[in-house]
Amino acid sequence: MVDLEFYVSGVATFFGIPRCGSGIPILGVPMEDTVSFRPGTRFAPSVIRQWSQYFEFTPSIDLGVDALGKACDLGDVSLLQGLVDMNIRRIESVVSEALSRWGRVVNIGGEHTLSLAAARALRASQGSYGIYVHVDAHFDSRTEWPIGQSLSHATFVRRIIEDVGPELLLFLGPRSYDPEELTFVRDLNNSVILMTRDLKLMSRYELRLLVRELLDSYSGPIHLSIDVDVLDPSIMPGVGNPEAFGLNYGELLRIIEAVLDHGGSRVKVLDIVEYSPPNDPGLASLPVIVRLILDVLNYMA
């Protein structure tokens, strides 16, 4: 058993909710070891905690549940700046313990590389790894990035494929990529790709139908990983690697609704990553991040 008091820390809590206890645990993961453009993701959990106290706790759709009443704050993983392999192991240990105690966990990053640790923890705790849902402007599936670095926020999906072996990979929202990684992902025999333009052309019903068909085709646990740069920079400027022609919030919410509605209790791990407060003018992205966390908890509760 992992001593969570050694690994996690923090004073304020998300939305003022209680420390865990009981409920859906929210874990801060201030990892920032491999960012390749604009730094700042390590500050996201603390900034979100501080400012979340001042927003109305209203999700986008009233589902008749008290989402925050069913959540708790696990604190932040205590990490060692720049030691990516050590930090991956620490995150894996804490996520494994959270899954053992609560059965699921919501991770607030931090850079996207943390999803590799979460994937390893999920496979270890469940005995298998079913579906990885990657909601992102990028595939994050390069062989190396920068050249010579095999583990980074631009390569970790390839490491998930090699280390964990998902039954299905579902890529939702990519629109910027290296030709080599696009070829790699397309050549996988267990991947489905819906580019940003594809999602924008689909109706809510078409998306729900497709997601239900895909999720029902496999029986294993589900890992939903959301990089907020999937949103357009006009509404989410506070990211390290912004890409134009992104999703609007309603389009992202349709994805969350489809996966969490149909995945249900099979969704064991959910990551929200890559918010970068130092790159967020006037913290303009914060209302979107806060709403995203509330909406995720709303559907999970």
Protein backbone atom coordinates (compact mmCIF):
# COMPACT_ATOMS: atom_id res chain seq x y z
CA MET A 1 0.00 0.00 0.00
CA VAL A 2 1.29 3.46 -0.96
CA ASP A 3 1.57 6.10 1.78
CA LEU A 4 -0.42 8.86 0.06
CA GLU A 5 0.59 11.38 2.71
CA PHE A 6 4.19 11.06 1.51
CA TYR A 7 3.38 11.52 -2.15
CA VAL A 8 0.64 14.14 -2.16
CA SER A 9 0.45 17.64 -0.80
CA GLY A 10 -1.63 20.82 -1.04
CA VAL A 11 -3.60 23.27 1.11
CA ALA A 12 -6.61 24.58 -0.85
CA THR A 13 -8.99 22.09 -2.44
CA PHE A 14 -10.76 22.09 -5.81
CA PHE A 15 -14.06 24.00 -5.42
CA GLY A 16 -13.63 23.82 -1.64
CA ILE A 17 -14.62 20.13 -1.62
CA PRO A 18 -13.43 17.87 1.22
CA ARG A 19 -10.19 15.97 1.27
CA CYS A 20 -10.61 12.32 0.29
CA GLY A 21 -12.52 10.46 2.27
CA SER A 22 -15.09 9.21 -0.07
CA GLY A 23 -16.26 10.16 -3.50
CA ILE A 24 -14.60 10.58 -6.89
CA PRO A 25 -10.98 11.53 -6.14
CA ILE A 26 -9.46 14.48 -7.99
CA LEU A 27 -5.67 14.30 -8.13
CA GLY A 28 -3.40 17.20 -9.05
CA VAL A 29 -0.42 16.16 -11.16
CA PRO A 30 1.89 19.21 -11.60
CA MET A 31 4.22 17.43 -14.01
CA GLU A 32 6.29 19.55 -16.39
CA ASP A 33 9.43 17.77 -17.49
CA THR A 34 9.24 17.47 -21.29
CA VAL A 35 7.26 20.42 -22.64
CA SER A 36 8.57 21.47 -26.04
CA PHE A 37 7.22 24.99 -26.54
CA ARG A 38 5.69 27.25 -23.87
CA PRO A 39 6.24 26.10 -20.26
CA GLY A 40 3.82 26.53 -17.38
CA THR A 41 1.65 23.39 -17.03
CA ARG A 42 3.02 22.57 -13.58
CA PHE A 43 1.15 25.56 -12.17
CA ALA A 44 -2.27 24.40 -13.36
CA PRO A 45 -3.49 22.37 -10.35
CA SER A 46 -2.64 25.08 -7.82
CA VAL A 47 -4.11 27.91 -9.92
CA ILE A 48 -7.29 25.95 -10.62
CA ARG A 49 -7.66 25.15 -6.92
CA GLN A 50 -7.18 28.77 -5.90
CA TRP A 51 -9.58 30.28 -8.43
CA SER A 52 -12.22 27.53 -8.49
CA GLN A 53 -13.55 28.82 -5.17
CA TYR A 54 -14.92 31.94 -6.92
CA PHE A 55 -17.01 30.37 -9.70
CA GLU A 56 -20.61 29.23 -9.59
CA PHE A 57 -20.64 25.46 -9.33
CA THR A 58 -23.03 25.00 -12.24
CA PRO A 59 -22.46 22.29 -14.89
CA SER A 60 -23.54 22.82 -18.49
CA ILE A 61 -26.46 20.37 -18.27
CA ASP A 62 -28.53 19.76 -15.14
CA LEU A 63 -28.54 15.99 -14.63
CA GLY A 64 -30.14 16.20 -11.22
CA VAL A 65 -27.04 15.21 -9.27
CA ASP A 66 -24.79 17.06 -6.85
CA ALA A 67 -21.53 16.49 -8.71
CA LEU A 68 -19.30 18.22 -6.17
CA GLY A 69 -21.04 16.40 -3.33
CA LYS A 70 -19.74 13.17 -4.84
CA ALA A 71 -16.11 14.33 -5.26
CA CYS A 72 -13.09 14.74 -3.03
CA ASP A 73 -9.61 16.27 -3.39
CA LEU A 74 -6.64 13.94 -3.13
CA GLY A 75 -4.05 16.72 -3.25
CA ASP A 76 -1.05 16.94 -5.60
CA VAL A 77 1.48 14.26 -6.39
CA SER A 78 4.84 15.40 -5.01
CA LEU A 79 7.21 15.40 -8.00
CA LEU A 80 10.89 16.05 -8.65
CA GLN A 81 11.27 18.69 -11.34
CA GLY A 82 13.04 17.38 -14.44
CA LEU A 83 13.22 13.70 -13.44
CA VAL A 84 10.67 12.33 -15.88
CA ASP A 85 11.19 8.61 -15.22
CA MET A 86 11.04 9.06 -11.44
CA ASN A 87 7.95 11.23 -11.74
CA ILE A 88 6.20 8.70 -13.98
CA ARG A 89 6.81 6.04 -11.33
CA ARG A 90 5.48 8.29 -8.56
CA ILE A 91 2.34 9.17 -10.52
CA GLU A 92 1.79 5.51 -11.35
CA SER A 93 2.03 4.58 -7.66
CA VAL A 94 -0.45 7.24 -6.55
CA VAL A 95 -2.94 6.53 -9.36
CA SER A 96 -2.70 2.80 -8.60
CA GLU A 97 -3.48 3.46 -4.95
CA ALA A 98 -6.38 5.75 -5.88
CA LEU A 99 -7.84 3.08 -8.15
CA SER A 100 -7.43 0.50 -5.40
CA ARG A 101 -9.25 2.66 -2.83
CA TRP A 102 -11.86 4.49 -4.91
CA GLY A 103 -12.09 2.55 -8.17
CA ARG A 104 -11.54 5.59 -10.40
CA VAL A 105 -9.67 8.88 -10.46
CA VAL A 106 -9.69 12.26 -12.24
CA ASN A 107 -6.18 13.62 -12.89
CA ILE A 108 -5.60 17.36 -13.36
CA GLY A 109 -2.28 18.09 -15.09
CA GLY A 110 0.31 19.03 -15.77
CA GLU A 111 1.76 17.87 -19.06
CA HIS A 112 0.16 15.07 -21.05
CA THR A 113 2.99 12.61 -20.41
CA LEU A 114 1.30 11.83 -17.09
CA SER A 115 -1.21 9.73 -19.05
CA LEU A 116 1.46 7.07 -19.56
CA ALA A 117 1.73 6.65 -15.79
CA ALA A 118 -2.06 6.56 -15.50
CA ALA A 119 -2.29 3.92 -18.24
CA ARG A 120 0.29 1.71 -16.53
CA ALA A 121 -1.56 2.08 -13.23
CA LEU A 122 -4.89 1.21 -14.84
CA ARG A 123 -3.56 -1.96 -16.44
CA ALA A 124 -1.91 -3.04 -13.18
CA SER A 125 -5.03 -2.41 -11.10
CA GLN A 126 -7.53 -3.94 -13.55
CA GLY A 127 -5.40 -6.74 -14.96
CA SER A 128 -6.05 -5.46 -18.50
CA TYR A 129 -6.20 -2.23 -20.46
CA GLY A 130 -9.16 -1.81 -22.75
CA ILE A 131 -9.74 1.49 -24.52
CA TYR A 132 -7.61 4.61 -24.63
CA VAL A 133 -9.58 7.70 -25.76
CA HIS A 134 -7.21 10.49 -26.80
CA VAL A 135 -8.92 13.89 -27.12
CA ASP A 136 -6.20 16.20 -28.38
CA ALA A 137 -5.12 18.54 -31.18
CA HIS A 138 -2.10 16.24 -31.65
CA PHE A 139 -1.49 12.50 -31.92
CA ASP A 140 1.42 12.59 -29.44
CA SER A 141 2.73 9.49 -31.18
CA ARG A 142 6.15 10.50 -32.48
CA THR A 143 9.10 8.15 -32.12
CA GLU A 144 11.18 10.89 -30.46
CA TRP A 145 10.64 14.55 -29.61
CA PRO A 146 12.90 16.45 -29.37
CA ILE A 147 15.24 14.29 -31.44
CA GLY A 148 16.93 11.84 -29.12
CA GLN A 149 14.20 11.97 -26.43
CA SER A 150 11.95 8.91 -26.51
CA LEU A 151 9.59 9.94 -23.70
CA SER A 152 7.86 13.30 -23.84
CA HIS A 153 4.44 14.84 -24.19
CA ALA A 154 4.78 14.34 -27.97
CA THR A 155 5.68 10.62 -27.79
CA PHE A 156 3.86 9.13 -24.81
CA VAL A 157 0.99 7.58 -26.81
CA ARG A 158 3.52 5.44 -28.66
CA ARG A 159 4.91 4.42 -25.28
CA ILE A 160 1.37 3.51 -24.12
CA ILE A 161 0.99 1.32 -27.19
CA GLU A 162 4.35 -0.39 -26.55
CA ASP A 163 4.08 -0.74 -22.76
CA VAL A 164 0.37 -1.21 -22.10
CA GLY A 165 -1.14 -2.53 -25.33
CA PRO A 166 -4.65 -1.00 -25.53
CA GLU A 167 -7.35 -3.07 -27.20
CA LEU A 168 -8.58 0.08 -28.97
CA LEU A 169 -7.20 3.58 -29.49
CA LEU A 170 -9.73 6.27 -30.28
CA PHE A 171 -8.23 9.59 -31.46
CA LEU A 172 -10.70 12.48 -31.32
CA GLY A 173 -9.88 15.98 -32.51
CA PRO A 174 -6.32 15.85 -33.93
CA ARG A 175 -5.51 18.50 -36.52
CA SER A 176 -1.73 18.97 -36.36
CA TYR A 177 0.81 16.20 -36.80
CA ASP A 178 4.09 14.95 -38.16
CA PRO A 179 3.65 12.78 -41.29
CA GLU A 180 5.54 9.88 -39.73
CA GLU A 181 3.29 9.70 -36.67
CA LEU A 182 0.16 10.00 -38.80
CA THR A 183 1.33 7.01 -40.85
CA PHE A 184 2.12 5.10 -37.66
CA VAL A 185 -1.32 5.72 -36.17
CA ARG A 186 -3.18 4.95 -39.40
CA ASP A 187 -1.30 1.67 -39.80
CA LEU A 188 -2.38 0.40 -36.39
CA ASN A 189 -5.03 -2.29 -36.69
CA ASN A 190 -6.84 -1.13 -33.55
CA SER A 191 -7.14 2.65 -34.02
CA VAL A 192 -10.03 4.92 -35.02
CA ILE A 193 -9.34 8.55 -35.97
CA LEU A 194 -11.83 11.39 -36.08
CA MET A 195 -10.08 14.60 -37.07
CA THR A 196 -11.33 17.98 -35.87
CA ARG A 197 -13.07 18.56 -39.21
CA ASP A 198 -14.80 15.16 -38.94
CA LEU A 199 -16.16 15.94 -35.49
CA LYS A 200 -17.44 19.33 -36.61
CA LEU A 201 -19.44 17.68 -39.40
CA MET A 202 -21.00 15.03 -37.16
CA SER A 203 -24.30 15.48 -35.39
CA ARG A 204 -24.62 14.74 -31.69
CA TYR A 205 -26.60 11.61 -32.57
CA GLU A 206 -24.01 10.37 -35.08
CA LEU A 207 -21.19 10.82 -32.58
CA ARG A 208 -23.08 9.06 -29.78
CA LEU A 209 -23.93 6.16 -32.07
CA LEU A 210 -20.34 5.71 -33.20
CA VAL A 211 -18.90 5.99 -29.69
CA ARG A 212 -21.43 3.50 -28.33
CA GLU A 213 -20.62 1.02 -31.10
CA LEU A 214 -16.87 1.32 -30.47
CA LEU A 215 -17.07 1.11 -26.68
CA ASP A 216 -19.44 -1.85 -26.84
CA SER A 217 -16.99 -3.72 -29.09
CA TYR A 218 -14.49 -4.10 -26.25
CA SER A 219 -15.03 -5.13 -22.65
CA GLY A 220 -12.01 -3.67 -20.85
CA PRO A 221 -11.67 -0.51 -18.75
CA ILE A 222 -11.67 2.91 -20.40
CA HIS A 223 -9.09 5.67 -20.05
CA LEU A 224 -10.31 9.09 -21.25
CA SER A 225 -7.50 11.62 -21.67
CA ILE A 226 -8.33 15.23 -22.60
CA ASP A 227 -5.69 17.73 -23.67
CA VAL A 228 -7.37 21.12 -23.55
CA ASP A 229 -5.49 22.25 -26.66
CA VAL A 230 -8.17 20.31 -28.56
CA LEU A 231 -10.21 23.48 -28.02
CA ASP A 232 -9.72 26.45 -30.31
CA PRO A 233 -7.21 29.05 -29.02
CA SER A 234 -9.94 31.68 -29.18
CA ILE A 235 -11.53 30.08 -26.11
CA MET A 236 -8.51 28.22 -24.71
CA PRO A 237 -5.43 30.43 -25.19
CA GLY A 238 -3.72 29.10 -22.06
CA VAL A 239 -1.91 26.09 -23.49
CA GLY A 240 1.67 25.33 -24.39
CA ASN A 241 1.04 24.25 -28.00
CA PRO A 242 -2.00 26.07 -29.42
CA GLU A 243 -3.41 24.99 -32.79
CA ALA A 244 -5.95 26.92 -34.85
CA PHE A 245 -9.32 25.54 -36.05
CA GLY A 246 -10.09 23.72 -32.82
CA LEU A 247 -13.29 22.47 -31.27
CA ASN A 248 -15.68 24.80 -29.51
CA TYR A 249 -16.79 23.91 -26.00
CA GLY A 250 -20.11 22.44 -27.10
CA GLU A 251 -18.30 20.06 -29.47
CA LEU A 252 -15.97 18.92 -26.68
CA LEU A 253 -18.94 18.46 -24.35
CA ARG A 254 -20.58 16.15 -26.90
CA ILE A 255 -17.49 13.92 -26.78
CA ILE A 256 -17.46 13.86 -22.97
CA GLU A 257 -21.18 13.14 -22.89
CA ALA A 258 -20.88 10.26 -25.37
CA VAL A 259 -17.90 8.59 -23.70
CA LEU A 260 -19.08 8.98 -20.11
CA ASP A 261 -22.71 8.12 -20.89
CA HIS A 262 -21.85 4.94 -22.75
CA GLY A 263 -18.66 4.08 -20.88
CA GLY A 264 -20.27 4.52 -17.47
CA SER A 265 -18.45 2.76 -14.64
CA ARG A 266 -15.93 1.36 -17.12
CA VAL A 267 -14.29 4.81 -17.29
CA LYS A 268 -11.73 4.33 -14.53
CA VAL A 269 -9.24 7.11 -15.34
CA LEU A 270 -9.91 10.56 -16.73
CA ASP A 271 -7.13 13.08 -17.40
CA ILE A 272 -7.50 16.83 -18.02
CA VAL A 273 -4.08 18.14 -19.02
CA GLU A 274 -1.91 20.85 -20.57
CA TYR A 275 -3.55 23.97 -19.14
CA SER A 276 -0.73 26.51 -18.76
CA PRO A 277 -1.63 29.52 -16.55
CA PRO A 278 1.49 31.59 -17.45
CA ASN A 279 0.37 31.47 -21.09
CA ASP A 280 -3.22 32.43 -20.30
CA PRO A 281 -3.79 36.19 -20.77
CA GLY A 282 -5.85 37.46 -17.86
CA LEU A 283 -6.58 33.81 -16.98
CA ALA A 284 -9.18 33.88 -19.74
CA SER A 285 -9.16 30.07 -20.04
CA LEU A 286 -9.95 29.46 -16.37
CA PRO A 287 -13.77 29.59 -16.69
CA VAL A 288 -13.51 26.94 -19.42
CA ILE A 289 -11.25 24.69 -17.33
CA VAL A 290 -13.50 25.03 -14.28
CA ARG A 291 -16.59 24.26 -16.36
CA LEU A 292 -14.83 21.26 -17.93
CA ILE A 293 -13.99 19.74 -14.55
CA LEU A 294 -17.55 20.35 -13.34
CA ASP A 295 -19.03 18.74 -16.45
CA VAL A 296 -16.76 15.70 -16.16
CA LEU A 297 -17.75 15.22 -12.52
CA ASN A 298 -21.40 15.76 -13.43
CA TYR A 299 -21.41 12.85 -15.89
CA MET A 300 -19.24 10.62 -13.70
CA ALA A 301 -21.49 11.19 -10.67
